[in-house]
Amino acid sequence: MNATRQALPVILGVLLAACGSAAAPSDPAPPPGSIARATLGPATPSPAVTPEPTTESPTPEPTPKATPKATPAPPPPKPTGVKFVDDDRKCLDGSWEEGCLRAKHTQTVLWKAPRTKGVEIRVFGVLGCPAVPKHPKPGANGPCLVKGTKLPSSVRALLAKAPASAGWVSWSWTQDEAECDPFAPVGLAPDGRAYEAIVVQAFNAQDRSSFAIAEPGRWWEPSEDEMVC
């Protein structure tokens, strides 16, 4: 009986020792989450992402409409209803009865059309007598201008100009009077050159008309029995 009591503590001590070794492992288990942190390494903060501004598509500008080109004005029409008037002479020195030594001459051209605004009428004196034959027969005569006669600027002298709406224009000059001059010119231009005929032309900003004859002038070849003063 005493032997049994003595062995019982020894057995209990062995059992307790065995249980203690099983319950207390040598390395304690790491807390949950430490394995994940050890595997992934230290956490790096992600940079803040700035959202890009929204870009709206530009509104297309309306295509400007092409401005239509202005239609140029047509050439002005050839003057019509043209009339030449040479009826005003004023004696400046002497008298017509006793003999005028110097006189002022005034000539006028009238027209019926054009009368358009923006059109100007210019009157030219024709220098020389373009239509006279090279060898006229004695006693022959004729106009210095005929239809189709070419009139370059070298044979024209500007006498006067006025708006077409006026319907007329005049010009004047002074000259010494001769007692007898059957070959006297039609008139004298402002620069002193003699002209033998008169033409009229219409102008606008873009173009000009053809010529209209206001005064054709006249050439004359004396015959053998005619006396020239």
C-alpha atoms as a PDB file:
ATOM      1  CA  MET A   1       0.000   0.000   0.000  1.00  0.00           C
ATOM      2  CA  ASN A   2       2.789   2.447   0.799  1.00  0.00           C
ATOM      3  CA  ALA A   3       4.652   1.412  -2.320  1.00  0.00           C
ATOM      4  CA  THR A   4       1.694   2.325  -4.443  1.00  0.00           C
ATOM      5  CA  ARG A   5       1.427   5.790  -2.864  1.00  0.00           C
ATOM      6  CA  GLN A   6       5.084   6.424  -3.488  1.00  0.00           C
ATOM      7  CA  ALA A   7       4.883   5.547  -7.208  1.00  0.00           C
ATOM      8  CA  LEU A   8       1.886   7.688  -7.937  1.00  0.00           C
ATOM      9  CA  PRO A   9       3.677  11.055  -7.653  1.00  0.00           C
ATOM     10  CA  VAL A  10       6.412   9.844  -9.930  1.00  0.00           C
ATOM     11  CA  ILE A  11       3.927   8.835 -12.636  1.00  0.00           C
ATOM     12  CA  LEU A  12       2.079  12.109 -12.369  1.00  0.00           C
ATOM     13  CA  GLY A  13       5.347  14.006 -12.732  1.00  0.00           C
ATOM     14  CA  VAL A  14       6.210  12.123 -15.912  1.00  0.00           C
ATOM     15  CA  LEU A  15       2.777  12.766 -17.405  1.00  0.00           C
ATOM     16  CA  LEU A  16       2.902  16.461 -16.599  1.00  0.00           C
ATOM     17  CA  ALA A  17       6.324  16.768 -18.111  1.00  0.00           C
ATOM     18  CA  ALA A  18       5.120  15.098 -21.313  1.00  0.00           C
ATOM     19  CA  CYS A  19       2.093  17.382 -21.546  1.00  0.00           C
ATOM     20  CA  GLY A  20       4.195  20.446 -20.918  1.00  0.00           C
ATOM     21  CA  SER A  21       6.591  19.580 -23.727  1.00  0.00           C
ATOM     22  CA  ALA A  22       3.688  19.121 -26.163  1.00  0.00           C
ATOM     23  CA  ALA A  23       1.869  22.288 -25.105  1.00  0.00           C
ATOM     24  CA  ALA A  24       4.911  24.598 -25.214  1.00  0.00           C
ATOM     25  CA  PRO A  25       6.688  24.494 -28.630  1.00  0.00           C
ATOM     26  CA  SER A  26      10.161  25.972 -28.960  1.00  0.00           C
ATOM     27  CA  ASP A  27       9.202  28.755 -31.503  1.00  0.00           C
ATOM     28  CA  PRO A  28       6.015  30.683 -30.907  1.00  0.00           C
ATOM     29  CA  ALA A  29       3.799  31.090 -34.070  1.00  0.00           C
ATOM     30  CA  PRO A  30       3.945  34.609 -35.606  1.00  0.00           C
ATOM     31  CA  PRO A  31       0.802  36.674 -35.373  1.00  0.00           C
ATOM     32  CA  PRO A  32      -1.527  36.699 -38.403  1.00  0.00           C
ATOM     33  CA  GLY A  33      -0.572  39.249 -41.077  1.00  0.00           C
ATOM     34  CA  SER A  34       3.152  39.299 -40.221  1.00  0.00           C
ATOM     35  CA  ILE A  35       3.921  36.693 -42.947  1.00  0.00           C
ATOM     36  CA  ALA A  36       2.186  38.776 -45.589  1.00  0.00           C
ATOM     37  CA  ARG A  37       4.049  41.897 -44.500  1.00  0.00           C
ATOM     38  CA  ALA A  38       7.360  40.140 -44.551  1.00  0.00           C
ATOM     39  CA  THR A  39       6.754  38.683 -48.009  1.00  0.00           C
ATOM     40  CA  LEU A  40       5.542  41.907 -49.697  1.00  0.00           C
ATOM     41  CA  GLY A  41       8.103  44.207 -48.087  1.00  0.00           C
ATOM     42  CA  PRO A  42       7.412  47.710 -46.828  1.00  0.00           C
ATOM     43  CA  ALA A  43       4.381  49.410 -48.318  1.00  0.00           C
ATOM     44  CA  THR A  44       5.230  52.293 -50.747  1.00  0.00           C
ATOM     45  CA  PRO A  45       2.634  55.052 -50.962  1.00  0.00           C
ATOM     46  CA  SER A  46       1.240  55.397 -54.524  1.00  0.00           C
ATOM     47  CA  PRO A  47       1.646  58.871 -56.086  1.00  0.00           C
ATOM     48  CA  ALA A  48      -1.491  60.899 -56.304  1.00  0.00           C
ATOM     49  CA  VAL A  49      -2.914  60.846 -59.839  1.00  0.00           C
ATOM     50  CA  THR A  50      -4.066  64.257 -61.070  1.00  0.00           C
ATOM     51  CA  PRO A  51      -6.977  63.857 -63.484  1.00  0.00           C
ATOM     52  CA  GLU A  52      -6.310  65.447 -66.882  1.00  0.00           C
ATOM     53  CA  PRO A  53      -8.673  68.291 -67.744  1.00  0.00           C
ATOM     54  CA  THR A  54     -11.351  67.415 -70.217  1.00  0.00           C
ATOM     55  CA  THR A  55     -10.589  68.940 -73.635  1.00  0.00           C
ATOM     56  CA  GLU A  56     -13.632  70.015 -75.565  1.00  0.00           C
ATOM     57  CA  SER A  57     -13.536  69.828 -79.330  1.00  0.00           C
ATOM     58  CA  PRO A  58     -13.218  73.369 -80.803  1.00  0.00           C
ATOM     59  CA  THR A  59     -16.304  74.675 -82.491  1.00  0.00           C
ATOM     60  CA  PRO A  60     -15.486  75.073 -86.195  1.00  0.00           C
ATOM     61  CA  GLU A  61     -15.688  78.669 -87.361  1.00  0.00           C
ATOM     62  CA  PRO A  62     -18.162  79.280 -90.136  1.00  0.00           C
ATOM     63  CA  THR A  63     -16.524  79.542 -93.545  1.00  0.00           C
ATOM     64  CA  PRO A  64     -16.891  83.127 -94.769  1.00  0.00           C
ATOM     65  CA  LYS A  65     -18.898  83.423 -97.906  1.00  0.00           C
ATOM     66  CA  ALA A  66     -16.979  84.620-100.905  1.00  0.00           C
ATOM     67  CA  THR A  67     -17.785  88.221-101.701  1.00  0.00           C
ATOM     68  CA  PRO A  68     -19.011  88.396-105.279  1.00  0.00           C
ATOM     69  CA  LYS A  69     -16.816  90.536-107.466  1.00  0.00           C
ATOM     70  CA  ALA A  70     -18.346  93.744-108.627  1.00  0.00           C
ATOM     71  CA  THR A  71     -19.321  93.626-112.242  1.00  0.00           C
ATOM     72  CA  PRO A  72     -17.308  96.267-114.103  1.00  0.00           C
ATOM     73  CA  ALA A  73     -19.324  98.991-115.698  1.00  0.00           C
ATOM     74  CA  PRO A  74     -19.772  98.542-119.443  1.00  0.00           C
ATOM     75  CA  PRO A  75     -18.092 101.029-121.778  1.00  0.00           C
ATOM     76  CA  PRO A  76     -20.085 104.242-122.084  1.00  0.00           C
ATOM     77  CA  PRO A  77     -22.086 104.620-125.293  1.00  0.00           C
ATOM     78  CA  LYS A  78     -20.858 106.787-128.115  1.00  0.00           C
ATOM     79  CA  PRO A  79     -22.218 110.340-127.770  1.00  0.00           C
ATOM     80  CA  THR A  80     -25.260 111.006-129.914  1.00  0.00           C
ATOM     81  CA  GLY A  81     -27.165 114.145-130.860  1.00  0.00           C
ATOM     82  CA  VAL A  82     -23.851 116.006-130.986  1.00  0.00           C
ATOM     83  CA  LYS A  83     -23.945 119.606-132.227  1.00  0.00           C
ATOM     84  CA  PHE A  84     -21.138 122.125-132.685  1.00  0.00           C
ATOM     85  CA  VAL A  85     -21.798 125.865-132.220  1.00  0.00           C
ATOM     86  CA  ASP A  86     -19.298 128.571-133.233  1.00  0.00           C
ATOM     87  CA  ASP A  87     -21.186 131.796-132.859  1.00  0.00           C
ATOM     88  CA  ASP A  88     -19.490 133.879-130.188  1.00  0.00           C
ATOM     89  CA  ARG A  89     -16.626 136.253-131.000  1.00  0.00           C
ATOM     90  CA  LYS A  90     -15.752 139.307-128.945  1.00  0.00           C
ATOM     91  CA  CYS A  91     -13.410 141.940-130.275  1.00  0.00           C
ATOM     92  CA  LEU A  92     -10.802 142.867-127.663  1.00  0.00           C
ATOM     93  CA  ASP A  93      -8.772 145.367-129.689  1.00  0.00           C
ATOM     94  CA  GLY A  94     -10.401 147.580-132.345  1.00  0.00           C
ATOM     95  CA  SER A  95     -13.880 146.976-133.708  1.00  0.00           C
ATOM     96  CA  TRP A  96     -15.565 144.740-136.241  1.00  0.00           C
ATOM     97  CA  GLU A  97     -16.545 147.781-138.301  1.00  0.00           C
ATOM     98  CA  GLU A  98     -13.118 149.392-138.445  1.00  0.00           C
ATOM     99  CA  GLY A  99     -11.114 146.198-138.147  1.00  0.00           C
ATOM    100  CA  CYS A 100     -10.633 143.958-135.144  1.00  0.00           C
ATOM    101  CA  LEU A 101      -7.008 143.320-134.283  1.00  0.00           C
ATOM    102  CA  ARG A 102      -7.565 140.772-131.492  1.00  0.00           C
ATOM    103  CA  ALA A 103     -10.641 138.804-130.532  1.00  0.00           C
ATOM    104  CA  LYS A 104     -11.902 136.227-128.049  1.00  0.00           C
ATOM    105  CA  HIS A 105     -13.506 133.172-129.616  1.00  0.00           C
ATOM    106  CA  THR A 106     -15.873 130.805-127.805  1.00  0.00           C
ATOM    107  CA  GLN A 107     -17.076 127.455-129.139  1.00  0.00           C
ATOM    108  CA  THR A 108     -19.640 125.050-127.722  1.00  0.00           C
ATOM    109  CA  VAL A 109     -20.485 121.367-128.158  1.00  0.00           C
ATOM    110  CA  LEU A 110     -23.867 119.959-127.116  1.00  0.00           C
ATOM    111  CA  TRP A 111     -25.021 116.321-126.894  1.00  0.00           C
ATOM    112  CA  LYS A 112     -28.255 114.505-126.136  1.00  0.00           C
ATOM    113  CA  ALA A 113     -26.746 111.282-124.782  1.00  0.00           C
ATOM    114  CA  PRO A 114     -25.243 109.899-122.680  1.00  0.00           C
ATOM    115  CA  ARG A 115     -26.436 111.754-119.618  1.00  0.00           C
ATOM    116  CA  THR A 116     -25.380 108.997-117.190  1.00  0.00           C
ATOM    117  CA  LYS A 117     -23.946 109.782-113.769  1.00  0.00           C
ATOM    118  CA  GLY A 118     -20.260 108.889-113.555  1.00  0.00           C
ATOM    119  CA  VAL A 119     -19.673 109.486-117.275  1.00  0.00           C
ATOM    120  CA  GLU A 120     -17.562 112.388-118.512  1.00  0.00           C
ATOM    121  CA  ILE A 121     -17.587 113.970-121.967  1.00  0.00           C
ATOM    122  CA  ARG A 122     -14.268 115.151-123.428  1.00  0.00           C
ATOM    123  CA  VAL A 123     -13.909 117.317-126.499  1.00  0.00           C
ATOM    124  CA  PHE A 124     -10.778 117.041-128.646  1.00  0.00           C
ATOM    125  CA  GLY A 125      -9.445 119.190-131.449  1.00  0.00           C
ATOM    126  CA  VAL A 126      -7.961 117.227-134.353  1.00  0.00           C
ATOM    127  CA  LEU A 127      -4.585 118.602-135.397  1.00  0.00           C
ATOM    128  CA  GLY A 128      -4.135 118.769-139.140  1.00  0.00           C
ATOM    129  CA  CYS A 129      -6.527 117.363-141.699  1.00  0.00           C
ATOM    130  CA  PRO A 130      -6.191 113.541-141.721  1.00  0.00           C
ATOM    131  CA  ALA A 131      -8.643 112.887-144.596  1.00  0.00           C
ATOM    132  CA  VAL A 132      -7.131 115.278-147.130  1.00  0.00           C
ATOM    133  CA  PRO A 133      -5.699 113.438-150.183  1.00  0.00           C
ATOM    134  CA  LYS A 134      -1.967 113.527-150.745  1.00  0.00           C
ATOM    135  CA  HIS A 135      -2.403 115.078-154.181  1.00  0.00           C
ATOM    136  CA  PRO A 136      -5.796 116.809-154.366  1.00  0.00           C
ATOM    137  CA  LYS A 137      -6.957 118.044-157.711  1.00  0.00           C
ATOM    138  CA  PRO A 138      -7.393 121.809-158.191  1.00  0.00           C
ATOM    139  CA  GLY A 139     -10.817 122.938-157.084  1.00  0.00           C
ATOM    140  CA  ALA A 140     -11.392 119.816-154.991  1.00  0.00           C
ATOM    141  CA  ASN A 141     -12.552 119.998-151.357  1.00  0.00           C
ATOM    142  CA  GLY A 142     -13.841 117.678-148.669  1.00  0.00           C
ATOM    143  CA  PRO A 143     -14.078 116.984-144.923  1.00  0.00           C
ATOM    144  CA  CYS A 144     -10.982 116.616-142.782  1.00  0.00           C
ATOM    145  CA  LEU A 145     -12.648 113.767-140.899  1.00  0.00           C
ATOM    146  CA  VAL A 146     -14.666 110.848-142.232  1.00  0.00           C
ATOM    147  CA  LYS A 147     -16.046 107.777-140.491  1.00  0.00           C
ATOM    148  CA  GLY A 148     -13.264 105.346-139.642  1.00  0.00           C
ATOM    149  CA  THR A 149     -10.460 107.938-139.563  1.00  0.00           C
ATOM    150  CA  LYS A 150      -7.804 106.873-137.057  1.00  0.00           C
ATOM    151  CA  LEU A 151      -7.136 109.424-134.332  1.00  0.00           C
ATOM    152  CA  PRO A 152      -4.055 108.567-132.238  1.00  0.00           C
ATOM    153  CA  SER A 153      -3.289 110.759-129.250  1.00  0.00           C
ATOM    154  CA  SER A 154      -0.555 112.505-131.241  1.00  0.00           C
ATOM    155  CA  VAL A 155      -3.189 114.234-133.451  1.00  0.00           C
ATOM    156  CA  ARG A 156      -5.596 115.163-130.635  1.00  0.00           C
ATOM    157  CA  ALA A 157      -5.606 118.121-128.235  1.00  0.00           C
ATOM    158  CA  LEU A 158      -7.998 118.245-125.287  1.00  0.00           C
ATOM    159  CA  LEU A 159     -10.226 121.301-125.574  1.00  0.00           C
ATOM    160  CA  ALA A 160     -12.765 120.839-122.766  1.00  0.00           C
ATOM    161  CA  LYS A 161     -14.525 118.277-120.556  1.00  0.00           C
ATOM    162  CA  ALA A 162     -17.715 118.185-118.511  1.00  0.00           C
ATOM    163  CA  PRO A 163     -20.053 115.713-116.754  1.00  0.00           C
ATOM    164  CA  ALA A 164     -22.244 113.926-119.266  1.00  0.00           C
ATOM    165  CA  SER A 165     -25.294 115.054-117.316  1.00  0.00           C
ATOM    166  CA  ALA A 166     -24.553 118.698-118.235  1.00  0.00           C
ATOM    167  CA  GLY A 167     -25.379 118.191-121.911  1.00  0.00           C
ATOM    168  CA  TRP A 168     -22.969 120.883-123.145  1.00  0.00           C
ATOM    169  CA  VAL A 169     -19.507 122.373-122.652  1.00  0.00           C
ATOM    170  CA  SER A 170     -17.786 125.540-123.942  1.00  0.00           C
ATOM    171  CA  TRP A 171     -14.195 126.720-124.249  1.00  0.00           C
ATOM    172  CA  SER A 172     -12.530 129.968-125.382  1.00  0.00           C
ATOM    173  CA  TRP A 173      -9.231 131.346-126.685  1.00  0.00           C
ATOM    174  CA  THR A 174      -7.933 134.676-127.967  1.00  0.00           C
ATOM    175  CA  GLN A 175      -6.100 135.277-131.235  1.00  0.00           C
ATOM    176  CA  ASP A 176      -4.981 137.995-133.575  1.00  0.00           C
ATOM    177  CA  GLU A 177      -7.465 138.585-136.340  1.00  0.00           C
ATOM    178  CA  ALA A 178      -6.411 138.410-139.994  1.00  0.00           C
ATOM    179  CA  GLU A 179      -8.134 140.449-142.686  1.00  0.00           C
ATOM    180  CA  CYS A 180      -8.261 137.457-145.015  1.00  0.00           C
ATOM    181  CA  ASP A 181      -7.319 133.872-144.259  1.00  0.00           C
ATOM    182  CA  PRO A 182      -9.259 131.299-146.314  1.00  0.00           C
ATOM    183  CA  PHE A 183      -7.223 128.500-144.713  1.00  0.00           C
ATOM    184  CA  ALA A 184      -7.915 129.579-141.141  1.00  0.00           C
ATOM    185  CA  PRO A 185      -8.212 126.616-138.777  1.00  0.00           C
ATOM    186  CA  VAL A 186     -11.378 125.772-136.910  1.00  0.00           C
ATOM    187  CA  GLY A 187      -9.791 126.958-133.692  1.00  0.00           C
ATOM    188  CA  LEU A 188      -6.802 127.078-131.376  1.00  0.00           C
ATOM    189  CA  ALA A 189      -6.181 124.629-128.542  1.00  0.00           C
ATOM    190  CA  PRO A 190      -5.181 125.883-125.057  1.00  0.00           C
ATOM    191  CA  ASP A 191      -1.525 125.237-125.957  1.00  0.00           C
ATOM    192  CA  GLY A 192      -1.801 127.360-129.095  1.00  0.00           C
ATOM    193  CA  ARG A 193      -1.883 124.557-131.666  1.00  0.00           C
ATOM    194  CA  ALA A 194      -4.403 124.880-134.493  1.00  0.00           C
ATOM    195  CA  TYR A 195      -7.073 122.223-134.949  1.00  0.00           C
ATOM    196  CA  GLU A 196      -9.024 121.471-138.102  1.00  0.00           C
ATOM    197  CA  ALA A 197     -11.856 119.313-136.727  1.00  0.00           C
ATOM    198  CA  ILE A 198     -13.568 118.414-133.442  1.00  0.00           C
ATOM    199  CA  VAL A 199     -14.502 115.021-131.977  1.00  0.00           C
ATOM    200  CA  VAL A 200     -16.307 114.015-128.775  1.00  0.00           C
ATOM    201  CA  GLN A 201     -15.722 110.971-126.573  1.00  0.00           C
ATOM    202  CA  ALA A 202     -17.436 109.598-123.443  1.00  0.00           C
ATOM    203  CA  PHE A 203     -15.395 108.258-120.496  1.00  0.00           C
ATOM    204  CA  ASN A 204     -16.185 106.329-117.320  1.00  0.00           C
ATOM    205  CA  ALA A 205     -13.833 104.953-114.664  1.00  0.00           C
ATOM    206  CA  GLN A 206     -13.059 101.779-116.637  1.00  0.00           C
ATOM    207  CA  ASP A 207     -13.331 102.554-120.336  1.00  0.00           C
ATOM    208  CA  ARG A 208     -14.163 105.006-123.097  1.00  0.00           C
ATOM    209  CA  SER A 209     -16.476 105.164-126.073  1.00  0.00           C
ATOM    210  CA  SER A 210     -15.657 105.548-129.724  1.00  0.00           C
ATOM    211  CA  PHE A 211     -15.422 109.024-131.203  1.00  0.00           C
ATOM    212  CA  ALA A 212     -18.359 111.074-132.438  1.00  0.00           C
ATOM    213  CA  ILE A 213     -17.615 113.794-134.977  1.00  0.00           C
ATOM    214  CA  ALA A 214     -18.819 117.189-133.799  1.00  0.00           C
ATOM    215  CA  GLU A 215     -17.155 119.249-136.548  1.00  0.00           C
ATOM    216  CA  PRO A 216     -15.537 117.471-139.549  1.00  0.00           C
ATOM    217  CA  GLY A 217     -13.683 120.554-140.716  1.00  0.00           C
ATOM    218  CA  ARG A 218     -12.978 121.215-144.377  1.00  0.00           C
ATOM    219  CA  TRP A 219     -10.064 121.195-146.756  1.00  0.00           C
ATOM    220  CA  TRP A 220     -10.018 123.053-150.098  1.00  0.00           C
ATOM    221  CA  GLU A 221      -7.640 123.056-153.003  1.00  0.00           C
ATOM    222  CA  PRO A 222      -7.958 126.278-155.042  1.00  0.00           C
ATOM    223  CA  SER A 223      -8.382 125.940-158.769  1.00  0.00           C
ATOM    224  CA  GLU A 224      -6.207 127.772-161.246  1.00  0.00           C
ATOM    225  CA  ASP A 225      -8.724 130.552-161.833  1.00  0.00           C
ATOM    226  CA  GLU A 226      -9.570 131.142-158.148  1.00  0.00           C
ATOM    227  CA  MET A 227      -7.920 134.052-156.376  1.00  0.00           C
ATOM    228  CA  VAL A 228      -6.763 133.585-152.832  1.00  0.00           C
ATOM    229  CA  CYS A 229      -6.670 136.749-150.769  1.00  0.00           C
END
